[in-house]
Each structure stands twice: as structure tokens, then as C-alpha cells.
N, C-alpha and C. Protein backbone atom coordinates (compact mmCIF):
# COMPACT_ATOMS: atom_id res chain seq x y z
N MET A 1 -12.28 77.94 60.68
CA MET A 1 -10.93 77.98 60.28
C MET A 1 -10.74 79.10 59.28
N SER A 2 -9.62 79.56 59.43
CA SER A 2 -9.32 80.69 58.56
C SER A 2 -8.50 80.20 57.39
N LEU A 3 -8.32 81.15 56.49
CA LEU A 3 -7.58 80.83 55.28
C LEU A 3 -6.14 80.52 55.61
N ILE A 4 -5.57 81.13 56.57
CA ILE A 4 -4.19 80.90 56.96
C ILE A 4 -4.07 79.51 57.55
N ASP A 5 -5.02 79.09 58.36
CA ASP A 5 -4.97 77.76 58.95
C ASP A 5 -5.07 76.69 57.86
N THR A 6 -5.86 76.91 56.87
CA THR A 6 -6.04 75.93 55.78
C THR A 6 -4.76 75.81 54.99
N ASN A 7 -4.07 76.92 54.73
CA ASN A 7 -2.82 76.86 53.98
C ASN A 7 -1.77 76.10 54.76
N GLN A 8 -1.72 76.30 56.07
CA GLN A 8 -0.73 75.59 56.88
C GLN A 8 -1.05 74.10 56.90
N THR A 9 -2.25 73.74 56.96
CA THR A 9 -2.63 72.34 56.98
C THR A 9 -2.27 71.69 55.67
N ALA A 10 -2.48 72.35 54.55
CA ALA A 10 -2.14 71.81 53.24
C ALA A 10 -0.64 71.67 53.11
N GLN A 11 0.08 72.63 53.62
CA GLN A 11 1.54 72.56 53.54
C GLN A 11 2.05 71.43 54.44
N GLU A 12 1.45 71.32 55.58
CA GLU A 12 1.87 70.23 56.47
C GLU A 12 1.58 68.87 55.84
N ALA A 13 0.44 68.75 55.19
CA ALA A 13 0.06 67.49 54.55
C ALA A 13 1.03 67.18 53.42
N ALA A 14 1.43 68.19 52.65
CA ALA A 14 2.36 67.98 51.54
C ALA A 14 3.71 67.57 52.08
N ALA A 15 4.16 68.18 53.16
CA ALA A 15 5.44 67.83 53.76
C ALA A 15 5.37 66.42 54.33
N LEU A 16 4.27 66.09 54.95
CA LEU A 16 4.10 64.77 55.52
C LEU A 16 4.12 63.71 54.40
N GLY A 17 3.47 63.98 53.27
CA GLY A 17 3.46 63.04 52.11
C GLY A 17 4.85 62.88 51.54
N ALA A 18 5.63 63.98 51.49
CA ALA A 18 6.98 63.91 50.94
C ALA A 18 7.85 63.06 51.85
N ARG A 19 7.68 63.24 53.16
CA ARG A 19 8.47 62.43 54.09
C ARG A 19 8.10 60.95 54.00
N ALA A 20 6.83 60.63 53.82
CA ALA A 20 6.38 59.24 53.71
C ALA A 20 6.95 58.60 52.45
N ARG A 21 6.95 59.39 51.36
CA ARG A 21 7.49 58.88 50.10
C ARG A 21 8.98 58.60 50.26
N ASP A 22 9.70 59.50 50.89
CA ASP A 22 11.14 59.29 51.09
C ASP A 22 11.40 58.05 51.93
N ARG A 23 10.62 57.87 52.96
CA ARG A 23 10.81 56.68 53.81
C ARG A 23 10.50 55.39 53.02
N ALA A 24 9.47 55.40 52.16
CA ALA A 24 9.13 54.23 51.35
C ALA A 24 10.25 53.91 50.39
N MET A 25 10.85 54.95 49.79
CA MET A 25 11.97 54.73 48.87
C MET A 25 13.16 54.14 49.60
N ASP A 26 13.41 54.61 50.82
CA ASP A 26 14.51 54.05 51.62
C ASP A 26 14.24 52.57 51.94
N ALA A 27 13.01 52.28 52.34
CA ALA A 27 12.65 50.89 52.67
C ALA A 27 12.78 50.00 51.43
N TYR A 28 12.37 50.52 50.28
CA TYR A 28 12.47 49.78 49.01
C TYR A 28 13.93 49.50 48.69
N ALA A 29 14.75 50.53 48.86
CA ALA A 29 16.18 50.39 48.55
C ALA A 29 16.82 49.37 49.49
N GLN A 30 16.38 49.30 50.71
CA GLN A 30 16.95 48.34 51.65
C GLN A 30 16.37 46.93 51.43
N ALA A 31 15.12 46.82 50.94
CA ALA A 31 14.45 45.52 50.76
C ALA A 31 15.03 44.74 49.57
N ILE A 32 15.47 45.41 48.53
CA ILE A 32 15.97 44.72 47.33
C ILE A 32 17.18 43.85 47.66
N PRO A 33 18.22 44.35 48.29
CA PRO A 33 19.34 43.46 48.61
C PRO A 33 18.96 42.35 49.58
N VAL A 34 18.07 42.66 50.52
CA VAL A 34 17.64 41.63 51.47
C VAL A 34 16.90 40.53 50.72
N ALA A 35 16.04 40.90 49.79
CA ALA A 35 15.28 39.91 49.00
C ALA A 35 16.23 39.09 48.14
N LYS A 36 17.24 39.74 47.54
CA LYS A 36 18.20 39.01 46.71
C LYS A 36 18.96 38.00 47.55
N ARG A 37 19.37 38.44 48.75
CA ARG A 37 20.09 37.52 49.62
C ARG A 37 19.19 36.35 50.04
N ALA A 38 17.93 36.65 50.31
CA ALA A 38 17.00 35.60 50.72
C ALA A 38 16.77 34.61 49.57
N GLY A 39 16.63 35.13 48.36
CA GLY A 39 16.44 34.25 47.20
C GLY A 39 17.65 33.37 46.97
N THR A 40 18.83 33.96 47.06
CA THR A 40 20.06 33.20 46.87
C THR A 40 20.19 32.14 47.94
N ALA A 41 19.87 32.51 49.17
CA ALA A 41 19.93 31.55 50.28
C ALA A 41 18.93 30.42 50.05
N ALA A 42 17.75 30.74 49.55
CA ALA A 42 16.74 29.72 49.30
C ALA A 42 17.20 28.76 48.21
N VAL A 43 17.76 29.29 47.14
CA VAL A 43 18.26 28.44 46.06
C VAL A 43 19.37 27.55 46.56
N GLN A 44 20.28 28.12 47.31
CA GLN A 44 21.38 27.32 47.86
C GLN A 44 20.84 26.25 48.80
N GLY A 45 19.84 26.60 49.57
CA GLY A 45 19.23 25.62 50.48
C GLY A 45 18.59 24.47 49.71
N VAL A 46 17.89 24.80 48.63
CA VAL A 46 17.27 23.76 47.80
C VAL A 46 18.33 22.89 47.17
N GLN A 47 19.39 23.51 46.64
CA GLN A 47 20.47 22.73 46.03
C GLN A 47 21.12 21.80 47.05
N GLN A 48 21.37 22.32 48.26
CA GLN A 48 21.96 21.49 49.29
C GLN A 48 21.01 20.35 49.68
N GLY A 49 19.73 20.66 49.73
CA GLY A 49 18.73 19.63 50.06
C GLY A 49 18.68 18.54 49.00
N VAL A 50 18.72 18.95 47.74
CA VAL A 50 18.71 17.98 46.64
C VAL A 50 19.97 17.13 46.68
N GLN A 51 21.11 17.76 46.87
CA GLN A 51 22.37 17.04 46.94
C GLN A 51 22.34 16.05 48.12
N GLY A 52 21.83 16.49 49.24
CA GLY A 52 21.73 15.61 50.40
C GLY A 52 20.79 14.44 50.13
N ALA A 53 19.66 14.72 49.50
CA ALA A 53 18.72 13.65 49.18
C ALA A 53 19.34 12.66 48.21
N ARG A 54 20.09 13.17 47.22
CA ARG A 54 20.76 12.31 46.25
C ARG A 54 21.78 11.42 46.95
N GLU A 55 22.56 12.02 47.82
CA GLU A 55 23.58 11.25 48.53
C GLU A 55 22.95 10.20 49.44
N TRP A 56 21.83 10.53 50.02
CA TRP A 56 21.14 9.58 50.88
C TRP A 56 20.47 8.46 50.07
N ALA A 57 19.83 8.82 48.91
CA ALA A 57 19.02 7.86 48.15
C ALA A 57 19.86 6.96 47.25
N ALA A 58 20.98 7.45 46.73
CA ALA A 58 21.75 6.68 45.74
C ALA A 58 22.12 5.30 46.23
N PRO A 59 22.73 5.14 47.38
CA PRO A 59 23.08 3.77 47.80
C PRO A 59 21.85 2.91 48.06
N ARG A 60 20.80 3.52 48.54
CA ARG A 60 19.58 2.76 48.81
C ARG A 60 18.92 2.28 47.51
N ILE A 61 18.94 3.14 46.50
CA ILE A 61 18.37 2.75 45.20
C ILE A 61 19.22 1.65 44.57
N GLU A 62 20.55 1.80 44.62
CA GLU A 62 21.42 0.77 44.06
C GLU A 62 21.20 -0.56 44.76
N GLN A 63 21.03 -0.54 46.05
CA GLN A 63 20.80 -1.77 46.81
C GLN A 63 19.45 -2.38 46.43
N ALA A 64 18.43 -1.54 46.25
CA ALA A 64 17.11 -2.04 45.88
C ALA A 64 17.15 -2.69 44.49
N VAL A 65 17.87 -2.07 43.56
CA VAL A 65 17.99 -2.64 42.22
C VAL A 65 18.74 -3.97 42.29
N TYR A 66 19.81 -4.01 43.06
CA TYR A 66 20.59 -5.24 43.20
C TYR A 66 19.72 -6.35 43.79
N ASP A 67 18.96 -6.03 44.84
CA ASP A 67 18.09 -7.02 45.47
C ASP A 67 17.01 -7.52 44.49
N ALA A 68 16.44 -6.60 43.70
CA ALA A 68 15.42 -7.00 42.73
C ALA A 68 16.01 -7.93 41.66
N ARG A 69 17.20 -7.62 41.18
CA ARG A 69 17.83 -8.47 40.17
C ARG A 69 18.18 -9.84 40.75
N GLU A 70 18.67 -9.83 42.00
CA GLU A 70 19.02 -11.09 42.66
C GLU A 70 17.78 -11.97 42.85
N TRP A 71 16.64 -11.37 43.14
CA TRP A 71 15.40 -12.11 43.31
C TRP A 71 14.86 -12.60 41.96
N ALA A 72 14.95 -11.77 40.90
CA ALA A 72 14.33 -12.09 39.62
C ALA A 72 15.12 -13.12 38.81
N ALA A 73 16.44 -13.13 38.90
CA ALA A 73 17.26 -14.00 38.04
C ALA A 73 16.90 -15.48 38.16
N PRO A 74 16.80 -16.06 39.36
CA PRO A 74 16.46 -17.48 39.40
C PRO A 74 15.05 -17.77 38.91
N ARG A 75 14.14 -16.84 39.10
CA ARG A 75 12.78 -17.05 38.63
C ARG A 75 12.71 -17.02 37.10
N ILE A 76 13.51 -16.17 36.48
CA ILE A 76 13.56 -16.13 35.01
C ILE A 76 14.17 -17.42 34.49
N ASP A 77 15.23 -17.93 35.15
CA ASP A 77 15.81 -19.22 34.75
C ASP A 77 14.79 -20.34 34.85
N ASP A 78 14.04 -20.37 35.93
CA ASP A 78 13.01 -21.39 36.10
C ASP A 78 11.95 -21.30 35.00
N ALA A 79 11.55 -20.08 34.66
CA ALA A 79 10.56 -19.88 33.60
C ALA A 79 11.10 -20.36 32.26
N ALA A 80 12.39 -20.08 31.99
CA ALA A 80 12.99 -20.53 30.72
C ALA A 80 13.01 -22.05 30.65
N ASP A 81 13.36 -22.70 31.76
CA ASP A 81 13.36 -24.16 31.79
C ASP A 81 11.96 -24.71 31.57
N ALA A 82 10.98 -24.10 32.19
CA ALA A 82 9.60 -24.56 32.05
C ALA A 82 9.11 -24.41 30.60
N VAL A 83 9.45 -23.32 29.96
CA VAL A 83 9.04 -23.11 28.57
C VAL A 83 9.73 -24.12 27.66
N THR A 84 11.03 -24.38 27.91
CA THR A 84 11.77 -25.32 27.08
C THR A 84 11.18 -26.72 27.18
N THR A 85 10.80 -27.13 28.36
CA THR A 85 10.33 -28.50 28.54
C THR A 85 8.85 -28.68 28.25
N THR A 86 8.05 -27.63 28.36
CA THR A 86 6.60 -27.82 28.17
C THR A 86 6.08 -27.15 26.91
N VAL A 87 6.39 -25.92 26.71
CA VAL A 87 5.80 -25.16 25.60
C VAL A 87 6.54 -25.42 24.29
N ALA A 88 7.86 -25.42 24.30
CA ALA A 88 8.63 -25.53 23.06
C ALA A 88 8.30 -26.80 22.28
N PRO A 89 8.21 -27.98 22.91
CA PRO A 89 7.86 -29.16 22.12
C PRO A 89 6.46 -29.05 21.50
N LYS A 90 5.54 -28.45 22.23
CA LYS A 90 4.18 -28.30 21.69
C LYS A 90 4.17 -27.34 20.51
N VAL A 91 4.92 -26.26 20.62
CA VAL A 91 5.01 -25.30 19.52
C VAL A 91 5.67 -25.97 18.31
N SER A 92 6.71 -26.73 18.56
CA SER A 92 7.39 -27.43 17.47
C SER A 92 6.45 -28.41 16.78
N GLU A 93 5.70 -29.19 17.55
CA GLU A 93 4.74 -30.13 16.97
C GLU A 93 3.68 -29.40 16.16
N ALA A 94 3.19 -28.29 16.68
CA ALA A 94 2.16 -27.53 15.96
C ALA A 94 2.71 -27.00 14.63
N LEU A 95 3.94 -26.53 14.63
CA LEU A 95 4.53 -26.03 13.39
C LEU A 95 4.73 -27.15 12.38
N HIS A 96 5.17 -28.33 12.83
CA HIS A 96 5.33 -29.46 11.91
C HIS A 96 3.98 -29.90 11.34
N ALA A 97 2.95 -29.94 12.17
CA ALA A 97 1.63 -30.33 11.70
C ALA A 97 1.10 -29.33 10.68
N THR A 98 1.32 -28.06 10.93
CA THR A 98 0.87 -27.03 9.99
C THR A 98 1.61 -27.16 8.66
N ALA A 99 2.90 -27.44 8.73
CA ALA A 99 3.68 -27.60 7.49
C ALA A 99 3.16 -28.78 6.69
N GLN A 100 2.79 -29.87 7.35
CA GLN A 100 2.25 -31.03 6.64
C GLN A 100 0.91 -30.70 5.98
N GLN A 101 0.10 -29.90 6.64
CA GLN A 101 -1.19 -29.52 6.06
C GLN A 101 -1.02 -28.59 4.88
N VAL A 102 -0.02 -27.74 4.91
CA VAL A 102 0.19 -26.76 3.85
C VAL A 102 0.86 -27.40 2.63
N ARG A 103 1.75 -28.39 2.85
CA ARG A 103 2.51 -29.00 1.76
C ARG A 103 1.54 -29.69 0.79
N PRO A 104 1.67 -29.42 -0.53
CA PRO A 104 0.79 -30.08 -1.50
C PRO A 104 1.17 -31.55 -1.66
N PRO A 105 0.19 -32.41 -1.90
CA PRO A 105 0.51 -33.82 -2.09
C PRO A 105 1.31 -34.04 -3.37
N GLU A 106 2.17 -35.04 -3.38
CA GLU A 106 3.02 -35.33 -4.54
C GLU A 106 2.19 -35.80 -5.72
N ALA A 107 1.09 -36.52 -5.49
CA ALA A 107 0.29 -37.07 -6.59
C ALA A 107 -0.32 -35.94 -7.42
N GLU A 108 -0.75 -34.89 -6.79
CA GLU A 108 -1.34 -33.78 -7.53
C GLU A 108 -0.31 -33.09 -8.40
N LYS A 109 0.93 -33.09 -7.98
CA LYS A 109 1.98 -32.45 -8.76
C LYS A 109 2.18 -33.16 -10.08
N SER A 110 2.13 -34.51 -10.08
CA SER A 110 2.39 -35.27 -11.31
C SER A 110 1.18 -35.26 -12.24
N ARG A 111 -0.01 -35.02 -11.73
CA ARG A 111 -1.20 -34.99 -12.58
C ARG A 111 -1.42 -33.66 -13.27
N ARG A 112 -0.63 -32.77 -13.05
CA ARG A 112 -0.81 -31.43 -13.61
C ARG A 112 -0.64 -31.50 -15.13
N LEU A 113 -1.63 -31.02 -15.86
CA LEU A 113 -1.63 -31.16 -17.32
C LEU A 113 -0.71 -30.18 -18.02
N LEU A 114 -0.69 -28.96 -17.60
CA LEU A 114 0.05 -27.94 -18.32
C LEU A 114 1.37 -27.61 -17.62
N SER A 115 2.26 -28.58 -17.56
CA SER A 115 3.58 -28.29 -17.00
C SER A 115 4.46 -27.77 -18.12
N TRP A 116 5.58 -27.16 -17.75
CA TRP A 116 6.48 -26.57 -18.76
C TRP A 116 7.04 -27.63 -19.69
N GLY A 117 7.41 -28.76 -19.16
CA GLY A 117 7.97 -29.82 -20.01
C GLY A 117 6.97 -30.30 -21.04
N TRP A 118 5.72 -30.46 -20.62
CA TRP A 118 4.68 -30.92 -21.54
C TRP A 118 4.45 -29.88 -22.63
N LEU A 119 4.41 -28.61 -22.27
CA LEU A 119 4.18 -27.56 -23.26
C LEU A 119 5.31 -27.47 -24.27
N VAL A 120 6.56 -27.60 -23.84
CA VAL A 120 7.70 -27.55 -24.76
C VAL A 120 7.66 -28.75 -25.70
N GLY A 121 7.38 -29.92 -25.17
CA GLY A 121 7.30 -31.13 -26.01
C GLY A 121 6.21 -31.00 -27.06
N ALA A 122 5.05 -30.50 -26.65
CA ALA A 122 3.94 -30.32 -27.59
C ALA A 122 4.32 -29.31 -28.67
N GLY A 123 5.02 -28.26 -28.31
CA GLY A 123 5.44 -27.25 -29.29
C GLY A 123 6.41 -27.83 -30.30
N VAL A 124 7.37 -28.63 -29.84
CA VAL A 124 8.34 -29.25 -30.75
C VAL A 124 7.62 -30.22 -31.69
N ALA A 125 6.68 -31.02 -31.16
CA ALA A 125 5.95 -31.97 -32.00
C ALA A 125 5.12 -31.24 -33.06
N LEU A 126 4.47 -30.16 -32.70
CA LEU A 126 3.68 -29.39 -33.67
C LEU A 126 4.57 -28.77 -34.74
N ALA A 127 5.73 -28.28 -34.36
CA ALA A 127 6.64 -27.69 -35.34
C ALA A 127 7.12 -28.76 -36.32
N ALA A 128 7.47 -29.93 -35.83
CA ALA A 128 7.93 -31.01 -36.71
C ALA A 128 6.82 -31.44 -37.65
N ALA A 129 5.59 -31.53 -37.17
CA ALA A 129 4.46 -31.91 -38.03
C ALA A 129 4.23 -30.85 -39.10
N GLY A 130 4.38 -29.60 -38.76
CA GLY A 130 4.21 -28.52 -39.75
C GLY A 130 5.26 -28.58 -40.83
N VAL A 131 6.51 -28.82 -40.45
CA VAL A 131 7.59 -28.93 -41.44
C VAL A 131 7.34 -30.12 -42.35
N GLY A 132 6.94 -31.26 -41.77
CA GLY A 132 6.65 -32.45 -42.58
C GLY A 132 5.51 -32.20 -43.56
N ALA A 133 4.46 -31.52 -43.10
CA ALA A 133 3.32 -31.22 -43.97
C ALA A 133 3.73 -30.29 -45.09
N ALA A 134 4.57 -29.31 -44.82
CA ALA A 134 5.01 -28.38 -45.86
C ALA A 134 5.83 -29.10 -46.92
N ILE A 135 6.72 -30.00 -46.49
CA ILE A 135 7.54 -30.76 -47.47
C ILE A 135 6.64 -31.66 -48.32
N ALA A 136 5.68 -32.34 -47.70
CA ALA A 136 4.79 -33.23 -48.44
C ALA A 136 3.96 -32.45 -49.45
N MET A 137 3.46 -31.29 -49.07
CA MET A 137 2.64 -30.48 -50.01
C MET A 137 3.48 -30.00 -51.19
N ARG A 138 4.71 -29.63 -50.93
CA ARG A 138 5.57 -29.15 -52.02
C ARG A 138 5.86 -30.28 -53.02
N ARG A 139 6.15 -31.48 -52.51
CA ARG A 139 6.40 -32.61 -53.39
C ARG A 139 5.16 -32.98 -54.19
N ARG A 140 4.00 -32.95 -53.52
CA ARG A 140 2.76 -33.29 -54.22
C ARG A 140 2.46 -32.26 -55.30
N TYR A 141 2.71 -31.02 -55.04
CA TYR A 141 2.47 -29.97 -56.03
C TYR A 141 3.39 -30.18 -57.24
N ALA A 142 4.66 -30.48 -56.97
CA ALA A 142 5.62 -30.68 -58.07
C ALA A 142 5.23 -31.89 -58.90
N SER A 143 4.83 -32.99 -58.24
CA SER A 143 4.46 -34.19 -59.02
C SER A 143 3.15 -33.97 -59.77
N ALA A 144 2.20 -33.23 -59.16
CA ALA A 144 0.92 -32.97 -59.85
C ALA A 144 1.15 -32.07 -61.05
N THR A 145 2.05 -31.13 -60.93
CA THR A 145 2.34 -30.25 -62.06
C THR A 145 2.98 -31.05 -63.20
N GLU A 146 3.88 -31.92 -62.87
CA GLU A 146 4.54 -32.75 -63.89
C GLU A 146 3.54 -33.68 -64.56
N GLU A 147 2.65 -34.27 -63.80
CA GLU A 147 1.64 -35.17 -64.37
C GLU A 147 0.69 -34.41 -65.27
N ALA A 148 0.29 -33.23 -64.86
CA ALA A 148 -0.63 -32.44 -65.68
C ALA A 148 0.03 -32.04 -66.98
N LYS A 149 1.28 -31.71 -66.94
CA LYS A 149 2.00 -31.32 -68.15
C LYS A 149 2.10 -32.52 -69.10
N ASN A 150 2.41 -33.65 -68.55
CA ASN A 150 2.51 -34.85 -69.39
C ASN A 150 1.15 -35.27 -69.91
N ALA A 151 0.09 -35.08 -69.15
CA ALA A 151 -1.24 -35.49 -69.58
C ALA A 151 -1.78 -34.58 -70.66
N THR A 152 -1.43 -33.34 -70.69
CA THR A 152 -1.97 -32.42 -71.70
C THR A 152 -1.30 -32.58 -73.04
N GLU A 153 -0.13 -33.07 -73.10
CA GLU A 153 0.54 -33.29 -74.38
C GLU A 153 0.21 -34.70 -74.86
N SER A 154 -0.46 -34.77 -75.98
CA SER A 154 -0.84 -36.07 -76.52
C SER A 154 0.22 -36.57 -77.49
N PRO A 155 0.30 -37.85 -77.75
CA PRO A 155 1.30 -38.37 -78.67
C PRO A 155 1.06 -37.90 -80.11
N GLU A 156 -0.19 -37.64 -80.55
CA GLU A 156 -0.43 -37.17 -81.91
C GLU A 156 0.16 -35.79 -82.12
N GLU A 157 0.04 -34.94 -81.08
CA GLU A 157 0.59 -33.59 -81.21
C GLU A 157 2.10 -33.67 -81.34
N ASP A 158 2.68 -34.62 -80.64
CA ASP A 158 4.12 -34.76 -80.71
C ASP A 158 4.53 -35.19 -82.12
N ARG A 159 3.75 -36.10 -82.73
CA ARG A 159 4.07 -36.54 -84.09
C ARG A 159 3.86 -35.43 -85.08
N ALA A 160 2.79 -34.68 -84.92
CA ALA A 160 2.50 -33.59 -85.86
C ALA A 160 3.58 -32.53 -85.77
N ALA A 161 4.05 -32.30 -84.58
CA ALA A 161 5.10 -31.30 -84.42
C ALA A 161 6.38 -31.81 -85.05
N GLN A 162 6.60 -33.13 -84.98
CA GLN A 162 7.80 -33.70 -85.57
C GLN A 162 7.71 -33.72 -87.09
N ASP A 163 6.50 -34.01 -87.60
CA ASP A 163 6.32 -34.06 -89.04
C ASP A 163 6.28 -32.67 -89.63
N GLY A 164 5.89 -31.71 -88.92
CA GLY A 164 5.81 -30.35 -89.41
C GLY A 164 4.54 -30.07 -90.15
N ASP A 165 3.44 -30.81 -89.89
CA ASP A 165 2.18 -30.64 -90.59
C ASP A 165 1.55 -29.31 -90.26
N GLY A 166 1.78 -28.73 -89.22
CA GLY A 166 1.16 -27.45 -88.89
C GLY A 166 1.06 -27.27 -87.39
N PRO A 167 0.64 -26.08 -87.05
CA PRO A 167 0.54 -25.79 -85.63
C PRO A 167 -0.63 -26.55 -85.01
N ALA A 168 -0.41 -27.05 -83.85
CA ALA A 168 -1.46 -27.78 -83.14
C ALA A 168 -1.82 -27.00 -81.87
N ALA A 169 -3.03 -27.19 -81.42
CA ALA A 169 -3.50 -26.52 -80.19
C ALA A 169 -2.90 -27.23 -78.97
N ARG A 170 -2.55 -26.43 -77.98
CA ARG A 170 -1.97 -26.99 -76.76
C ARG A 170 -2.84 -26.62 -75.57
N SER A 171 -2.84 -27.45 -74.55
CA SER A 171 -3.55 -27.09 -73.32
C SER A 171 -2.52 -26.85 -72.22
N GLU A 172 -2.84 -25.93 -71.35
CA GLU A 172 -1.93 -25.59 -70.26
C GLU A 172 -2.38 -26.28 -68.97
N VAL A 173 -1.62 -26.12 -67.94
CA VAL A 173 -1.91 -26.75 -66.66
C VAL A 173 -3.24 -26.24 -66.09
N ASN A 174 -3.56 -25.00 -66.32
CA ASN A 174 -4.80 -24.44 -65.76
C ASN A 174 -6.03 -24.85 -66.56
N GLY A 175 -5.86 -25.65 -67.60
CA GLY A 175 -6.99 -26.15 -68.36
C GLY A 175 -7.33 -25.34 -69.58
N ARG A 176 -6.66 -24.29 -69.90
CA ARG A 176 -6.94 -23.47 -71.07
C ARG A 176 -6.29 -24.10 -72.29
N VAL A 177 -6.95 -24.01 -73.39
CA VAL A 177 -6.43 -24.54 -74.65
C VAL A 177 -6.04 -23.35 -75.52
N THR A 178 -4.82 -23.36 -76.00
CA THR A 178 -4.36 -22.24 -76.83
C THR A 178 -3.82 -22.77 -78.15
N SER A 179 -3.93 -21.99 -79.18
CA SER A 179 -3.33 -22.35 -80.46
C SER A 179 -2.01 -21.60 -80.59
N PRO A 180 -1.09 -22.06 -81.40
CA PRO A 180 0.22 -21.47 -81.46
C PRO A 180 0.22 -20.03 -81.93
N GLY A 181 -0.64 -19.59 -82.72
CA GLY A 181 -0.60 -18.21 -83.21
C GLY A 181 -1.27 -17.23 -82.29
N THR A 182 -1.95 -17.64 -81.33
CA THR A 182 -2.71 -16.69 -80.52
C THR A 182 -2.11 -16.44 -79.19
């Protein structure tokens, strides 16, 4: 092959590639709207299929639900009657028996040593005893003081003081003896 033949072959190949590219672009341009139409048609078909299925299934589902409710209602009534007549009295008896076991006996309540009433009564009695003891101690102190004062003054001292013979020694309640000048 000559150089001229090679150039023609390369030019032919380039022209052939350009024509193939142009045809691919045309096919691409035509395929996009066709694909869009196909997608839209598919979506519409699915929507119509769903709508059709819904229209077909809705009455059948409603009927099935109605039939199930119609079948279940009398059985639930029968179960309620059975529970009322058999289980409820047993449950009630069990609850009453448990309440009796939990309730404290009355005798134990009265034997309780530290009830509020007992504590208040004991407090009042102790307060009254304390007041009585305080009054008795005060009276005893006053009478003991008076007796001690009378016991320390002798009749001779009284006469000497009346006669004016002189100062006499005196004793105090605490037992100390003092003379008048000191």
C-alpha cells in the first residue's frame, strides 16, 4: 500500500466514525421521548392496576370483616357468661379470704402498750406529779426556814436584848454564829 492509499483509508475511517456518531445521537434523541412515554404508560398502568385491585378487594374485605365479627360476637358473649358464673365467684372468694388473712386481729390492737391515748395520759400524770412535788418542796423549805429561825433565837437572848445588857451572839440559818459588832 502506498501512502496515498493509507491517507484515503484514514479519511474514510474518520468519515465513517463521524457518521456512526451522528446516527447514535439521532437514535438517542429519538429514544428519550419513547422511554418517557413508556415510563408514563407503566406508571399509569400500575396506578390503574392498584385502583382496580382496590375496587375488587374492598367489598370482599368488608364482607370478611363483617363475617368475622358476626362469628366472634356470640362466642365472646358465651365466654363472658362462663367467666361470670365460674371464675368471678372464685376470684371474689379468694379476695375475701386474702383480706381476712391480712386484717389484723382486734385483740392485738387493744393490747398495744404505746398507743397515743396512753402516752398523752402518762404525760399529763407526770406533769401533775411534778407540779405537786414542786409545791410541796417550796412549802417544806418555807416551814424549815421559819423553824430554823425560831430555833436559833433563844429566850435568854430575847430578854437580854429587851433589858439592854449588851450585844448577844446570834446564829443564822446556815449555822454560823455571829456577834453584833462583827
